[in-house]
């Protein structure tokens, strides 16, 4: 979860559009990772 806004910030601070896009893609991947981990937490009974 921390990786999402952190990668957005790091990409924004880069000088090239290509680097910014790369960090936005990493942030998007982290959002998918969060959803997957949340599903694990639901399935094992940690989350309602």
ModelCIF file with pLDDT and N, C-alpha, C, O atoms, coordinates in Angstrom:
data_MODEL
#
_entry.id   MODEL 
#
_entity.id                         1 
_entity.type                       polymer 
_entity.pdbx_number_of_molecules   1 
#
_entity_poly.entity_id                      1 
_entity_poly.type                           'polypeptide(L)' 
_entity_poly.nstd_linkage                   no 
_entity_poly.nstd_monomer                   no 
_entity_poly.pdbx_seq_one_letter_code       
;(UNK)(UNK)(UNK)(UNK)(UNK)(UNK)(UNK)(UNK)(UNK)(UNK)(UNK)(UNK)(UNK)(UNK)(UNK)(UNK)
(UNK)(UNK)(UNK)(UNK)(UNK)(UNK)(UNK)(UNK)(UNK)(UNK)(UNK)(UNK)(UNK)(UNK)(UNK)(UNK)
(UNK)(UNK)(UNK)(UNK)(UNK)(UNK)(UNK)(UNK)(UNK)(UNK)(UNK)(UNK)(UNK)(UNK)(UNK)(UNK)
;
_entity_poly.pdbx_seq_one_letter_code_can   XXXXXXXXXXXXXXXXXXXXXXXXXXXXXXXXXXXXXXXXXXXXXXXX 
_entity_poly.pdbx_strand_id                 A 
#
loop_
_entity_poly_seq.entity_id 
_entity_poly_seq.num 
_entity_poly_seq.mon_id 
_entity_poly_seq.hetero 
1 1  UNK n 
1 2  UNK n 
1 3  UNK n 
1 4  UNK n 
1 5  UNK n 
1 6  UNK n 
1 7  UNK n 
1 8  UNK n 
1 9  UNK n 
1 10 UNK n 
1 11 UNK n 
1 12 UNK n 
1 13 UNK n 
1 14 UNK n 
1 15 UNK n 
1 16 UNK n 
1 17 UNK n 
1 18 UNK n 
1 19 UNK n 
1 20 UNK n 
1 21 UNK n 
1 22 UNK n 
1 23 UNK n 
1 24 UNK n 
1 25 UNK n 
1 26 UNK n 
1 27 UNK n 
1 28 UNK n 
1 29 UNK n 
1 30 UNK n 
1 31 UNK n 
1 32 UNK n 
1 33 UNK n 
1 34 UNK n 
1 35 UNK n 
1 36 UNK n 
1 37 UNK n 
1 38 UNK n 
1 39 UNK n 
1 40 UNK n 
1 41 UNK n 
1 42 UNK n 
1 43 UNK n 
1 44 UNK n 
1 45 UNK n 
1 46 UNK n 
1 47 UNK n 
1 48 UNK n 
#
_struct_asym.id          A 
_struct_asym.entity_id   1 
#
loop_
_ma_qa_metric.id 
_ma_qa_metric.mode 
_ma_qa_metric.name 
_ma_qa_metric.software_group_id 
_ma_qa_metric.type 
1 global pLDDT . pLDDT 
2 local  pLDDT . pLDDT 
#
_ma_qa_metric_global.metric_id      1 
_ma_qa_metric_global.metric_value   97.15 
_ma_qa_metric_global.model_id       1 
_ma_qa_metric_global.ordinal_id     1 
#
loop_
_ma_qa_metric_local.label_asym_id 
_ma_qa_metric_local.label_comp_id 
_ma_qa_metric_local.label_seq_id 
_ma_qa_metric_local.metric_id 
_ma_qa_metric_local.metric_value 
_ma_qa_metric_local.model_id 
_ma_qa_metric_local.ordinal_id 
A UNK 1  2 98.00 1 1  
A UNK 2  2 98.00 1 2  
A UNK 3  2 98.00 1 3  
A UNK 4  2 98.00 1 4  
A UNK 5  2 98.00 1 5  
A UNK 6  2 98.00 1 6  
A UNK 7  2 98.00 1 7  
A UNK 8  2 98.00 1 8  
A UNK 9  2 98.00 1 9  
A UNK 10 2 97.00 1 10 
A UNK 11 2 97.00 1 11 
A UNK 12 2 96.00 1 12 
A UNK 13 2 96.00 1 13 
A UNK 14 2 94.00 1 14 
A UNK 15 2 89.00 1 15 
A UNK 16 2 93.00 1 16 
A UNK 17 2 94.00 1 17 
A UNK 18 2 95.00 1 18 
A UNK 19 2 96.00 1 19 
A UNK 20 2 96.00 1 20 
A UNK 21 2 97.00 1 21 
A UNK 22 2 98.00 1 22 
A UNK 23 2 98.00 1 23 
A UNK 24 2 98.00 1 24 
A UNK 25 2 98.00 1 25 
A UNK 26 2 98.00 1 26 
A UNK 27 2 98.00 1 27 
A UNK 28 2 98.00 1 28 
A UNK 29 2 98.00 1 29 
A UNK 30 2 98.00 1 30 
A UNK 31 2 98.00 1 31 
A UNK 32 2 98.00 1 32 
A UNK 33 2 98.00 1 33 
A UNK 34 2 98.00 1 34 
A UNK 35 2 98.00 1 35 
A UNK 36 2 98.00 1 36 
A UNK 37 2 98.00 1 37 
A UNK 38 2 98.00 1 38 
A UNK 39 2 98.00 1 39 
A UNK 40 2 98.00 1 40 
A UNK 41 2 98.00 1 41 
A UNK 42 2 98.00 1 42 
A UNK 43 2 98.00 1 43 
A UNK 44 2 98.00 1 44 
A UNK 45 2 97.00 1 45 
A UNK 46 2 97.00 1 46 
A UNK 47 2 97.00 1 47 
A UNK 48 2 96.00 1 48 
#
loop_
_atom_site.group_PDB 
_atom_site.id 
_atom_site.type_symbol 
_atom_site.label_atom_id 
_atom_site.label_alt_id 
_atom_site.label_comp_id 
_atom_site.label_asym_id 
_atom_site.label_entity_id 
_atom_site.label_seq_id 
_atom_site.pdbx_PDB_ins_code 
_atom_site.Cartn_x 
_atom_site.Cartn_y 
_atom_site.Cartn_z 
_atom_site.occupancy 
_atom_site.B_iso_or_equiv 
_atom_site.pdbx_formal_charge 
_atom_site.auth_seq_id 
_atom_site.auth_comp_id 
_atom_site.auth_asym_id 
_atom_site.auth_atom_id 
_atom_site.pdbx_PDB_model_num 
ATOM 1   N N  . UNK A 1 1  ? 0.828   -1.210  0.000   1.00 98.00 ? 1  UNK A N  1 
ATOM 2   C CA . UNK A 1 1  ? 0.000   0.000   0.000   1.00 98.00 ? 1  UNK A CA 1 
ATOM 3   C C  . UNK A 1 1  ? 0.864   1.263   0.000   1.00 98.00 ? 1  UNK A C  1 
ATOM 4   O O  . UNK A 1 1  ? 0.562   2.219   -0.714  1.00 98.00 ? 1  UNK A O  1 
ATOM 5   N N  . UNK A 1 2  ? 1.925   1.271   0.789   1.00 98.00 ? 2  UNK A N  1 
ATOM 6   C CA . UNK A 1 2  ? 2.825   2.430   0.833   1.00 98.00 ? 2  UNK A CA 1 
ATOM 7   C C  . UNK A 1 2  ? 3.505   2.648   -0.524  1.00 98.00 ? 2  UNK A C  1 
ATOM 8   O O  . UNK A 1 2  ? 3.808   3.779   -0.905  1.00 98.00 ? 2  UNK A O  1 
ATOM 9   N N  . UNK A 1 3  ? 3.734   1.569   -1.228  1.00 98.00 ? 3  UNK A N  1 
ATOM 10  C CA . UNK A 1 3  ? 4.390   1.644   -2.532  1.00 98.00 ? 3  UNK A CA 1 
ATOM 11  C C  . UNK A 1 3  ? 3.593   2.453   -3.555  1.00 98.00 ? 3  UNK A C  1 
ATOM 12  O O  . UNK A 1 3  ? 4.171   3.048   -4.464  1.00 98.00 ? 3  UNK A O  1 
ATOM 13  N N  . UNK A 1 4  ? 2.272   2.475   -3.408  1.00 98.00 ? 4  UNK A N  1 
ATOM 14  C CA . UNK A 1 4  ? 1.444   3.183   -4.401  1.00 98.00 ? 4  UNK A CA 1 
ATOM 15  C C  . UNK A 1 4  ? 1.731   4.688   -4.399  1.00 98.00 ? 4  UNK A C  1 
ATOM 16  O O  . UNK A 1 4  ? 2.209   5.203   -5.410  1.00 98.00 ? 4  UNK A O  1 
ATOM 17  N N  . UNK A 1 5  ? 1.458   5.419   -3.303  1.00 98.00 ? 5  UNK A N  1 
ATOM 18  C CA . UNK A 1 5  ? 1.738   6.862   -3.352  1.00 98.00 ? 5  UNK A CA 1 
ATOM 19  C C  . UNK A 1 5  ? 3.231   7.176   -3.444  1.00 98.00 ? 5  UNK A C  1 
ATOM 20  O O  . UNK A 1 5  ? 3.616   8.209   -3.992  1.00 98.00 ? 5  UNK A O  1 
ATOM 21  N N  . UNK A 1 6  ? 4.062   6.297   -2.913  1.00 98.00 ? 6  UNK A N  1 
ATOM 22  C CA . UNK A 1 6  ? 5.506   6.546   -2.962  1.00 98.00 ? 6  UNK A CA 1 
ATOM 23  C C  . UNK A 1 6  ? 6.023   6.513   -4.397  1.00 98.00 ? 6  UNK A C  1 
ATOM 24  O O  . UNK A 1 6  ? 6.833   7.356   -4.782  1.00 98.00 ? 6  UNK A O  1 
ATOM 25  N N  . UNK A 1 7  ? 5.569   5.559   -5.180  1.00 98.00 ? 7  UNK A N  1 
ATOM 26  C CA . UNK A 1 7  ? 5.998   5.496   -6.580  1.00 98.00 ? 7  UNK A CA 1 
ATOM 27  C C  . UNK A 1 7  ? 5.410   6.629   -7.411  1.00 98.00 ? 7  UNK A C  1 
ATOM 28  O O  . UNK A 1 7  ? 6.054   7.115   -8.341  1.00 98.00 ? 7  UNK A O  1 
ATOM 29  N N  . UNK A 1 8  ? 4.192   7.051   -7.085  1.00 98.00 ? 8  UNK A N  1 
ATOM 30  C CA . UNK A 1 8  ? 3.614   8.218   -7.766  1.00 98.00 ? 8  UNK A CA 1 
ATOM 31  C C  . UNK A 1 8  ? 4.496   9.439   -7.497  1.00 98.00 ? 8  UNK A C  1 
ATOM 32  O O  . UNK A 1 8  ? 4.821   10.192  -8.415  1.00 98.00 ? 8  UNK A O  1 
ATOM 33  N N  . UNK A 1 9  ? 4.880   9.626   -6.232  1.00 98.00 ? 9  UNK A N  1 
ATOM 34  C CA . UNK A 1 9  ? 5.721   10.768  -5.858  1.00 98.00 ? 9  UNK A CA 1 
ATOM 35  C C  . UNK A 1 9  ? 7.088   10.688  -6.520  1.00 98.00 ? 9  UNK A C  1 
ATOM 36  O O  . UNK A 1 9  ? 7.575   11.676  -7.070  1.00 98.00 ? 9  UNK A O  1 
ATOM 37  N N  . UNK A 1 10 ? 7.707   9.512   -6.468  1.00 97.00 ? 10 UNK A N  1 
ATOM 38  C CA . UNK A 1 10 ? 9.047   9.377   -7.055  1.00 97.00 ? 10 UNK A CA 1 
ATOM 39  C C  . UNK A 1 10 ? 9.020   9.631   -8.553  1.00 97.00 ? 10 UNK A C  1 
ATOM 40  O O  . UNK A 1 10 ? 9.902   10.302  -9.090  1.00 97.00 ? 10 UNK A O  1 
ATOM 41  N N  . UNK A 1 11 ? 8.015   9.099   -9.225  1.00 97.00 ? 11 UNK A N  1 
ATOM 42  C CA . UNK A 1 11 ? 7.906   9.328   -10.668 1.00 97.00 ? 11 UNK A CA 1 
ATOM 43  C C  . UNK A 1 11 ? 7.672   10.785  -11.000 1.00 97.00 ? 11 UNK A C  1 
ATOM 44  O O  . UNK A 1 11 ? 8.242   11.306  -11.959 1.00 97.00 ? 11 UNK A O  1 
ATOM 45  N N  . UNK A 1 12 ? 6.837   11.447  -10.217 1.00 96.00 ? 12 UNK A N  1 
ATOM 46  C CA . UNK A 1 12 ? 6.553   12.863  -10.445 1.00 96.00 ? 12 UNK A CA 1 
ATOM 47  C C  . UNK A 1 12 ? 7.820   13.698  -10.357 1.00 96.00 ? 12 UNK A C  1 
ATOM 48  O O  . UNK A 1 12 ? 7.992   14.660  -11.106 1.00 96.00 ? 12 UNK A O  1 
ATOM 49  N N  . UNK A 1 13 ? 8.708   13.326  -9.438  1.00 96.00 ? 13 UNK A N  1 
ATOM 50  C CA . UNK A 1 13 ? 9.931   14.090  -9.217  1.00 96.00 ? 13 UNK A CA 1 
ATOM 51  C C  . UNK A 1 13 ? 11.020  13.801  -10.250 1.00 96.00 ? 13 UNK A C  1 
ATOM 52  O O  . UNK A 1 13 ? 12.049  14.477  -10.258 1.00 96.00 ? 13 UNK A O  1 
ATOM 53  N N  . UNK A 1 14 ? 10.817  12.823  -11.110 1.00 94.00 ? 14 UNK A N  1 
ATOM 54  C CA . UNK A 1 14 ? 11.790  12.523  -12.160 1.00 94.00 ? 14 UNK A CA 1 
ATOM 55  C C  . UNK A 1 14 ? 11.681  13.558  -13.277 1.00 94.00 ? 14 UNK A C  1 
ATOM 56  O O  . UNK A 1 14 ? 10.690  14.281  -13.386 1.00 94.00 ? 14 UNK A O  1 
ATOM 57  N N  . UNK A 1 15 ? 12.723  13.608  -14.100 1.00 89.00 ? 15 UNK A N  1 
ATOM 58  C CA . UNK A 1 15 ? 12.775  14.634  -15.139 1.00 89.00 ? 15 UNK A CA 1 
ATOM 59  C C  . UNK A 1 15 ? 12.141  14.228  -16.452 1.00 89.00 ? 15 UNK A C  1 
ATOM 60  O O  . UNK A 1 15 ? 11.826  15.093  -17.269 1.00 89.00 ? 15 UNK A O  1 
ATOM 61  N N  . UNK A 1 16 ? 11.944  12.949  -16.679 1.00 93.00 ? 16 UNK A N  1 
ATOM 62  C CA . UNK A 1 16 ? 11.401  12.565  -17.980 1.00 93.00 ? 16 UNK A CA 1 
ATOM 63  C C  . UNK A 1 16 ? 10.026  11.943  -17.853 1.00 93.00 ? 16 UNK A C  1 
ATOM 64  O O  . UNK A 1 16 ? 9.696   11.314  -16.847 1.00 93.00 ? 16 UNK A O  1 
ATOM 65  N N  . UNK A 1 17 ? 9.249   12.129  -18.874 1.00 94.00 ? 17 UNK A N  1 
ATOM 66  C CA . UNK A 1 17 ? 7.913   11.555  -18.956 1.00 94.00 ? 17 UNK A CA 1 
ATOM 67  C C  . UNK A 1 17 ? 7.988   10.033  -18.933 1.00 94.00 ? 17 UNK A C  1 
ATOM 68  O O  . UNK A 1 17 ? 7.146   9.372   -18.324 1.00 94.00 ? 17 UNK A O  1 
ATOM 69  N N  . UNK A 1 18 ? 8.998   9.481   -19.597 1.00 95.00 ? 18 UNK A N  1 
ATOM 70  C CA . UNK A 1 18 ? 9.166   8.026   -19.640 1.00 95.00 ? 18 UNK A CA 1 
ATOM 71  C C  . UNK A 1 18 ? 9.369   7.464   -18.231 1.00 95.00 ? 18 UNK A C  1 
ATOM 72  O O  . UNK A 1 18 ? 8.773   6.447   -17.876 1.00 95.00 ? 18 UNK A O  1 
ATOM 73  N N  . UNK A 1 19 ? 10.204  8.121   -17.434 1.00 96.00 ? 19 UNK A N  1 
ATOM 74  C CA . UNK A 1 19 ? 10.424  7.660   -16.058 1.00 96.00 ? 19 UNK A CA 1 
ATOM 75  C C  . UNK A 1 19 ? 9.148   7.790   -15.226 1.00 96.00 ? 19 UNK A C  1 
ATOM 76  O O  . UNK A 1 19 ? 8.821   6.900   -14.441 1.00 96.00 ? 19 UNK A O  1 
ATOM 77  N N  . UNK A 1 20 ? 8.435   8.893   -15.399 1.00 96.00 ? 20 UNK A N  1 
ATOM 78  C CA . UNK A 1 20 ? 7.183   9.104   -14.672 1.00 96.00 ? 20 UNK A CA 1 
ATOM 79  C C  . UNK A 1 20 ? 6.208   7.971   -14.982 1.00 96.00 ? 20 UNK A C  1 
ATOM 80  O O  . UNK A 1 20 ? 5.598   7.402   -14.077 1.00 96.00 ? 20 UNK A O  1 
ATOM 81  N N  . UNK A 1 21 ? 6.066   7.647   -16.270 1.00 97.00 ? 21 UNK A N  1 
ATOM 82  C CA . UNK A 1 21 ? 5.173   6.563   -16.671 1.00 97.00 ? 21 UNK A CA 1 
ATOM 83  C C  . UNK A 1 21 ? 5.596   5.230   -16.057 1.00 97.00 ? 21 UNK A C  1 
ATOM 84  O O  . UNK A 1 21 ? 4.753   4.439   -15.634 1.00 97.00 ? 21 UNK A O  1 
ATOM 85  N N  . UNK A 1 22 ? 6.889   4.988   -16.012 1.00 98.00 ? 22 UNK A N  1 
ATOM 86  C CA . UNK A 1 22 ? 7.379   3.745   -15.419 1.00 98.00 ? 22 UNK A CA 1 
ATOM 87  C C  . UNK A 1 22 ? 6.960   3.636   -13.951 1.00 98.00 ? 22 UNK A C  1 
ATOM 88  O O  . UNK A 1 22 ? 6.516   2.576   -13.511 1.00 98.00 ? 22 UNK A O  1 
ATOM 89  N N  . UNK A 1 23 ? 7.099   4.712   -13.204 1.00 98.00 ? 23 UNK A N  1 
ATOM 90  C CA . UNK A 1 23 ? 6.728   4.687   -11.792 1.00 98.00 ? 23 UNK A CA 1 
ATOM 91  C C  . UNK A 1 23 ? 5.215   4.602   -11.600 1.00 98.00 ? 23 UNK A C  1 
ATOM 92  O O  . UNK A 1 23 ? 4.747   3.998   -10.634 1.00 98.00 ? 23 UNK A O  1 
ATOM 93  N N  . UNK A 1 24 ? 4.443   5.204   -12.515 1.00 98.00 ? 24 UNK A N  1 
ATOM 94  C CA . UNK A 1 24 ? 2.986   5.053   -12.445 1.00 98.00 ? 24 UNK A CA 1 
ATOM 95  C C  . UNK A 1 24 ? 2.595   3.597   -12.676 1.00 98.00 ? 24 UNK A C  1 
ATOM 96  O O  . UNK A 1 24 ? 1.681   3.087   -12.028 1.00 98.00 ? 24 UNK A O  1 
ATOM 97  N N  . UNK A 1 25 ? 3.282   2.932   -13.592 1.00 98.00 ? 25 UNK A N  1 
ATOM 98  C CA . UNK A 1 25 ? 3.025   1.509   -13.837 1.00 98.00 ? 25 UNK A CA 1 
ATOM 99  C C  . UNK A 1 25 ? 3.376   0.659   -12.616 1.00 98.00 ? 25 UNK A C  1 
ATOM 100 O O  . UNK A 1 25 ? 2.658   -0.287  -12.292 1.00 98.00 ? 25 UNK A O  1 
ATOM 101 N N  . UNK A 1 26 ? 4.459   0.985   -11.949 1.00 98.00 ? 26 UNK A N  1 
ATOM 102 C CA . UNK A 1 26 ? 4.831   0.259   -10.726 1.00 98.00 ? 26 UNK A CA 1 
ATOM 103 C C  . UNK A 1 26 ? 3.757   0.472   -9.656  1.00 98.00 ? 26 UNK A C  1 
ATOM 104 O O  . UNK A 1 26 ? 3.366   -0.473  -8.972  1.00 98.00 ? 26 UNK A O  1 
ATOM 105 N N  . UNK A 1 27 ? 3.284   1.705   -9.512  1.00 98.00 ? 27 UNK A N  1 
ATOM 106 C CA . UNK A 1 27 ? 2.226   2.004   -8.542  1.00 98.00 ? 27 UNK A CA 1 
ATOM 107 C C  . UNK A 1 27 ? 0.965   1.210   -8.867  1.00 98.00 ? 27 UNK A C  1 
ATOM 108 O O  . UNK A 1 27 ? 0.305   0.693   -7.965  1.00 98.00 ? 27 UNK A O  1 
ATOM 109 N N  . UNK A 1 28 ? 0.632   1.111   -10.144 1.00 98.00 ? 28 UNK A N  1 
ATOM 110 C CA . UNK A 1 28 ? -0.549  0.347   -10.560 1.00 98.00 ? 28 UNK A CA 1 
ATOM 111 C C  . UNK A 1 28 ? -0.380  -1.131  -10.204 1.00 98.00 ? 28 UNK A C  1 
ATOM 112 O O  . UNK A 1 28 ? -1.328  -1.774  -9.752  1.00 98.00 ? 28 UNK A O  1 
ATOM 113 N N  . UNK A 1 29 ? 0.813   -1.663  -10.405 1.00 98.00 ? 29 UNK A N  1 
ATOM 114 C CA . UNK A 1 29 ? 1.079   -3.043  -10.021 1.00 98.00 ? 29 UNK A CA 1 
ATOM 115 C C  . UNK A 1 29 ? 0.929   -3.248  -8.522  1.00 98.00 ? 29 UNK A C  1 
ATOM 116 O O  . UNK A 1 29 ? 0.421   -4.280  -8.083  1.00 98.00 ? 29 UNK A O  1 
ATOM 117 N N  . UNK A 1 30 ? 1.366   -2.281  -7.742  1.00 98.00 ? 30 UNK A N  1 
ATOM 118 C CA . UNK A 1 30 ? 1.226   -2.365  -6.284  1.00 98.00 ? 30 UNK A CA 1 
ATOM 119 C C  . UNK A 1 30 ? -0.240  -2.335  -5.863  1.00 98.00 ? 30 UNK A C  1 
ATOM 120 O O  . UNK A 1 30 ? -0.616  -2.978  -4.883  1.00 98.00 ? 30 UNK A O  1 
ATOM 121 N N  . UNK A 1 31 ? -1.070  -1.592  -6.595  1.00 98.00 ? 31 UNK A N  1 
ATOM 122 C CA . UNK A 1 31 ? -2.506  -1.582  -6.294  1.00 98.00 ? 31 UNK A CA 1 
ATOM 123 C C  . UNK A 1 31 ? -3.098  -2.979  -6.508  1.00 98.00 ? 31 UNK A C  1 
ATOM 124 O O  . UNK A 1 31 ? -3.945  -3.421  -5.732  1.00 98.00 ? 31 UNK A O  1 
ATOM 125 N N  . UNK A 1 32 ? -2.653  -3.669  -7.554  1.00 98.00 ? 32 UNK A N  1 
ATOM 126 C CA . UNK A 1 32 ? -3.087  -5.044  -7.774  1.00 98.00 ? 32 UNK A CA 1 
ATOM 127 C C  . UNK A 1 32 ? -2.594  -5.974  -6.674  1.00 98.00 ? 32 UNK A C  1 
ATOM 128 O O  . UNK A 1 32 ? -3.319  -6.866  -6.231  1.00 98.00 ? 32 UNK A O  1 
ATOM 129 N N  . UNK A 1 33 ? -1.369  -5.763  -6.242  1.00 98.00 ? 33 UNK A N  1 
ATOM 130 C CA . UNK A 1 33 ? -0.819  -6.566  -5.151  1.00 98.00 ? 33 UNK A CA 1 
ATOM 131 C C  . UNK A 1 33 ? -1.643  -6.377  -3.875  1.00 98.00 ? 33 UNK A C  1 
ATOM 132 O O  . UNK A 1 33 ? -1.926  -7.346  -3.170  1.00 98.00 ? 33 UNK A O  1 
ATOM 133 N N  . UNK A 1 34 ? -2.021  -5.150  -3.581  1.00 98.00 ? 34 UNK A N  1 
ATOM 134 C CA . UNK A 1 34 ? -2.848  -4.879  -2.397  1.00 98.00 ? 34 UNK A CA 1 
ATOM 135 C C  . UNK A 1 34 ? -4.166  -5.640  -2.501  1.00 98.00 ? 34 UNK A C  1 
ATOM 136 O O  . UNK A 1 34 ? -4.597  -6.268  -1.534  1.00 98.00 ? 34 UNK A O  1 
ATOM 137 N N  . UNK A 1 35 ? -4.808  -5.587  -3.665  1.00 98.00 ? 35 UNK A N  1 
ATOM 138 C CA . UNK A 1 35 ? -6.085  -6.295  -3.821  1.00 98.00 ? 35 UNK A CA 1 
ATOM 139 C C  . UNK A 1 35 ? -5.917  -7.796  -3.612  1.00 98.00 ? 35 UNK A C  1 
ATOM 140 O O  . UNK A 1 35 ? -6.757  -8.438  -2.980  1.00 98.00 ? 35 UNK A O  1 
ATOM 141 N N  . UNK A 1 36 ? -4.851  -8.342  -4.134  1.00 98.00 ? 36 UNK A N  1 
ATOM 142 C CA . UNK A 1 36 ? -4.600  -9.778  -3.970  1.00 98.00 ? 36 UNK A CA 1 
ATOM 143 C C  . UNK A 1 36 ? -4.369  -10.135 -2.502  1.00 98.00 ? 36 UNK A C  1 
ATOM 144 O O  . UNK A 1 36 ? -4.907  -11.127 -2.011  1.00 98.00 ? 36 UNK A O  1 
ATOM 145 N N  . UNK A 1 37 ? -3.581  -9.338  -1.810  1.00 98.00 ? 37 UNK A N  1 
ATOM 146 C CA . UNK A 1 37 ? -3.307  -9.588  -0.389  1.00 98.00 ? 37 UNK A CA 1 
ATOM 147 C C  . UNK A 1 37 ? -4.553  -9.410  0.465   1.00 98.00 ? 37 UNK A C  1 
ATOM 148 O O  . UNK A 1 37 ? -4.747  -10.136 1.441   1.00 98.00 ? 37 UNK A O  1 
ATOM 149 N N  . UNK A 1 38 ? -5.391  -8.457  0.109   1.00 98.00 ? 38 UNK A N  1 
ATOM 150 C CA . UNK A 1 38 ? -6.655  -8.288  0.817   1.00 98.00 ? 38 UNK A CA 1 
ATOM 151 C C  . UNK A 1 38 ? -7.533  -9.526  0.651   1.00 98.00 ? 38 UNK A C  1 
ATOM 152 O O  . UNK A 1 38 ? -8.211  -9.947  1.589   1.00 98.00 ? 38 UNK A O  1 
ATOM 153 N N  . UNK A 1 39 ? -7.514  -10.103 -0.548  1.00 98.00 ? 39 UNK A N  1 
ATOM 154 C CA . UNK A 1 39 ? -8.301  -11.320 -0.777  1.00 98.00 ? 39 UNK A CA 1 
ATOM 155 C C  . UNK A 1 39 ? -7.787  -12.473 0.080   1.00 98.00 ? 39 UNK A C  1 
ATOM 156 O O  . UNK A 1 39 ? -8.570  -13.249 0.626   1.00 98.00 ? 39 UNK A O  1 
ATOM 157 N N  . UNK A 1 40 ? -6.461  -12.576 0.192   1.00 98.00 ? 40 UNK A N  1 
ATOM 158 C CA . UNK A 1 40 ? -5.884  -13.602 1.065   1.00 98.00 ? 40 UNK A CA 1 
ATOM 159 C C  . UNK A 1 40 ? -6.375  -13.388 2.497   1.00 98.00 ? 40 UNK A C  1 
ATOM 160 O O  . UNK A 1 40 ? -6.795  -14.334 3.162   1.00 98.00 ? 40 UNK A O  1 
ATOM 161 N N  . UNK A 1 41 ? -6.320  -12.141 2.967   1.00 98.00 ? 41 UNK A N  1 
ATOM 162 C CA . UNK A 1 41 ? -6.758  -11.831 4.340   1.00 98.00 ? 41 UNK A CA 1 
ATOM 163 C C  . UNK A 1 41 ? -8.235  -12.168 4.535   1.00 98.00 ? 41 UNK A C  1 
ATOM 164 O O  . UNK A 1 41 ? -8.627  -12.630 5.608   1.00 98.00 ? 41 UNK A O  1 
ATOM 165 N N  . UNK A 1 42 ? -9.050  -11.945 3.520   1.00 98.00 ? 42 UNK A N  1 
ATOM 166 C CA . UNK A 1 42 ? -10.464 -12.309 3.598   1.00 98.00 ? 42 UNK A CA 1 
ATOM 167 C C  . UNK A 1 42 ? -10.622 -13.828 3.673   1.00 98.00 ? 42 UNK A C  1 
ATOM 168 O O  . UNK A 1 42 ? -11.358 -14.340 4.516   1.00 98.00 ? 42 UNK A O  1 
ATOM 169 N N  . UNK A 1 43 ? -9.935  -14.535 2.796   1.00 98.00 ? 43 UNK A N  1 
ATOM 170 C CA . UNK A 1 43 ? -10.084 -15.992 2.694   1.00 98.00 ? 43 UNK A CA 1 
ATOM 171 C C  . UNK A 1 43 ? -9.634  -16.723 3.956   1.00 98.00 ? 43 UNK A C  1 
ATOM 172 O O  . UNK A 1 43 ? -10.192 -17.766 4.297   1.00 98.00 ? 43 UNK A O  1 
ATOM 173 N N  . UNK A 1 44 ? -8.638  -16.192 4.646   1.00 98.00 ? 44 UNK A N  1 
ATOM 174 C CA . UNK A 1 44 ? -8.170  -16.859 5.868   1.00 98.00 ? 44 UNK A CA 1 
ATOM 175 C C  . UNK A 1 44 ? -8.888  -16.346 7.122   1.00 98.00 ? 44 UNK A C  1 
ATOM 176 O O  . UNK A 1 44 ? -8.568  -16.750 8.240   1.00 98.00 ? 44 UNK A O  1 
ATOM 177 N N  . UNK A 1 45 ? -9.854  -15.457 6.922   1.00 97.00 ? 45 UNK A N  1 
ATOM 178 C CA . UNK A 1 45 ? -10.680 -15.012 8.031   1.00 97.00 ? 45 UNK A CA 1 
ATOM 179 C C  . UNK A 1 45 ? -10.159 -13.822 8.814   1.00 97.00 ? 45 UNK A C  1 
ATOM 180 O O  . UNK A 1 45 ? -10.662 -13.537 9.901   1.00 97.00 ? 45 UNK A O  1 
ATOM 181 N N  . UNK A 1 46 ? -9.158  -13.118 8.288   1.00 97.00 ? 46 UNK A N  1 
ATOM 182 C CA . UNK A 1 46 ? -8.622  -11.952 8.983   1.00 97.00 ? 46 UNK A CA 1 
ATOM 183 C C  . UNK A 1 46 ? -9.468  -10.693 8.758   1.00 97.00 ? 46 UNK A C  1 
ATOM 184 O O  . UNK A 1 46 ? -9.470  -9.792  9.596   1.00 97.00 ? 46 UNK A O  1 
ATOM 185 N N  . UNK A 1 47 ? -10.177 -10.629 7.643   1.00 97.00 ? 47 UNK A N  1 
ATOM 186 C CA . UNK A 1 47 ? -11.021 -9.480  7.332   1.00 97.00 ? 47 UNK A CA 1 
ATOM 187 C C  . UNK A 1 47 ? -12.459 -9.944  7.156   1.00 97.00 ? 47 UNK A C  1 
ATOM 188 O O  . UNK A 1 47 ? -12.707 -11.038 6.650   1.00 97.00 ? 47 UNK A O  1 
ATOM 189 N N  . UNK A 1 48 ? -13.400 -9.115  7.571   1.00 96.00 ? 48 UNK A N  1 
ATOM 190 C CA . UNK A 1 48 ? -14.798 -9.415  7.271   1.00 96.00 ? 48 UNK A CA 1 
ATOM 191 C C  . UNK A 1 48 ? -15.115 -8.884  5.867   1.00 96.00 ? 48 UNK A C  1 
ATOM 192 O O  . UNK A 1 48 ? -16.243 -9.023  5.394   1.00 96.00 ? 48 UNK A O  1 
#
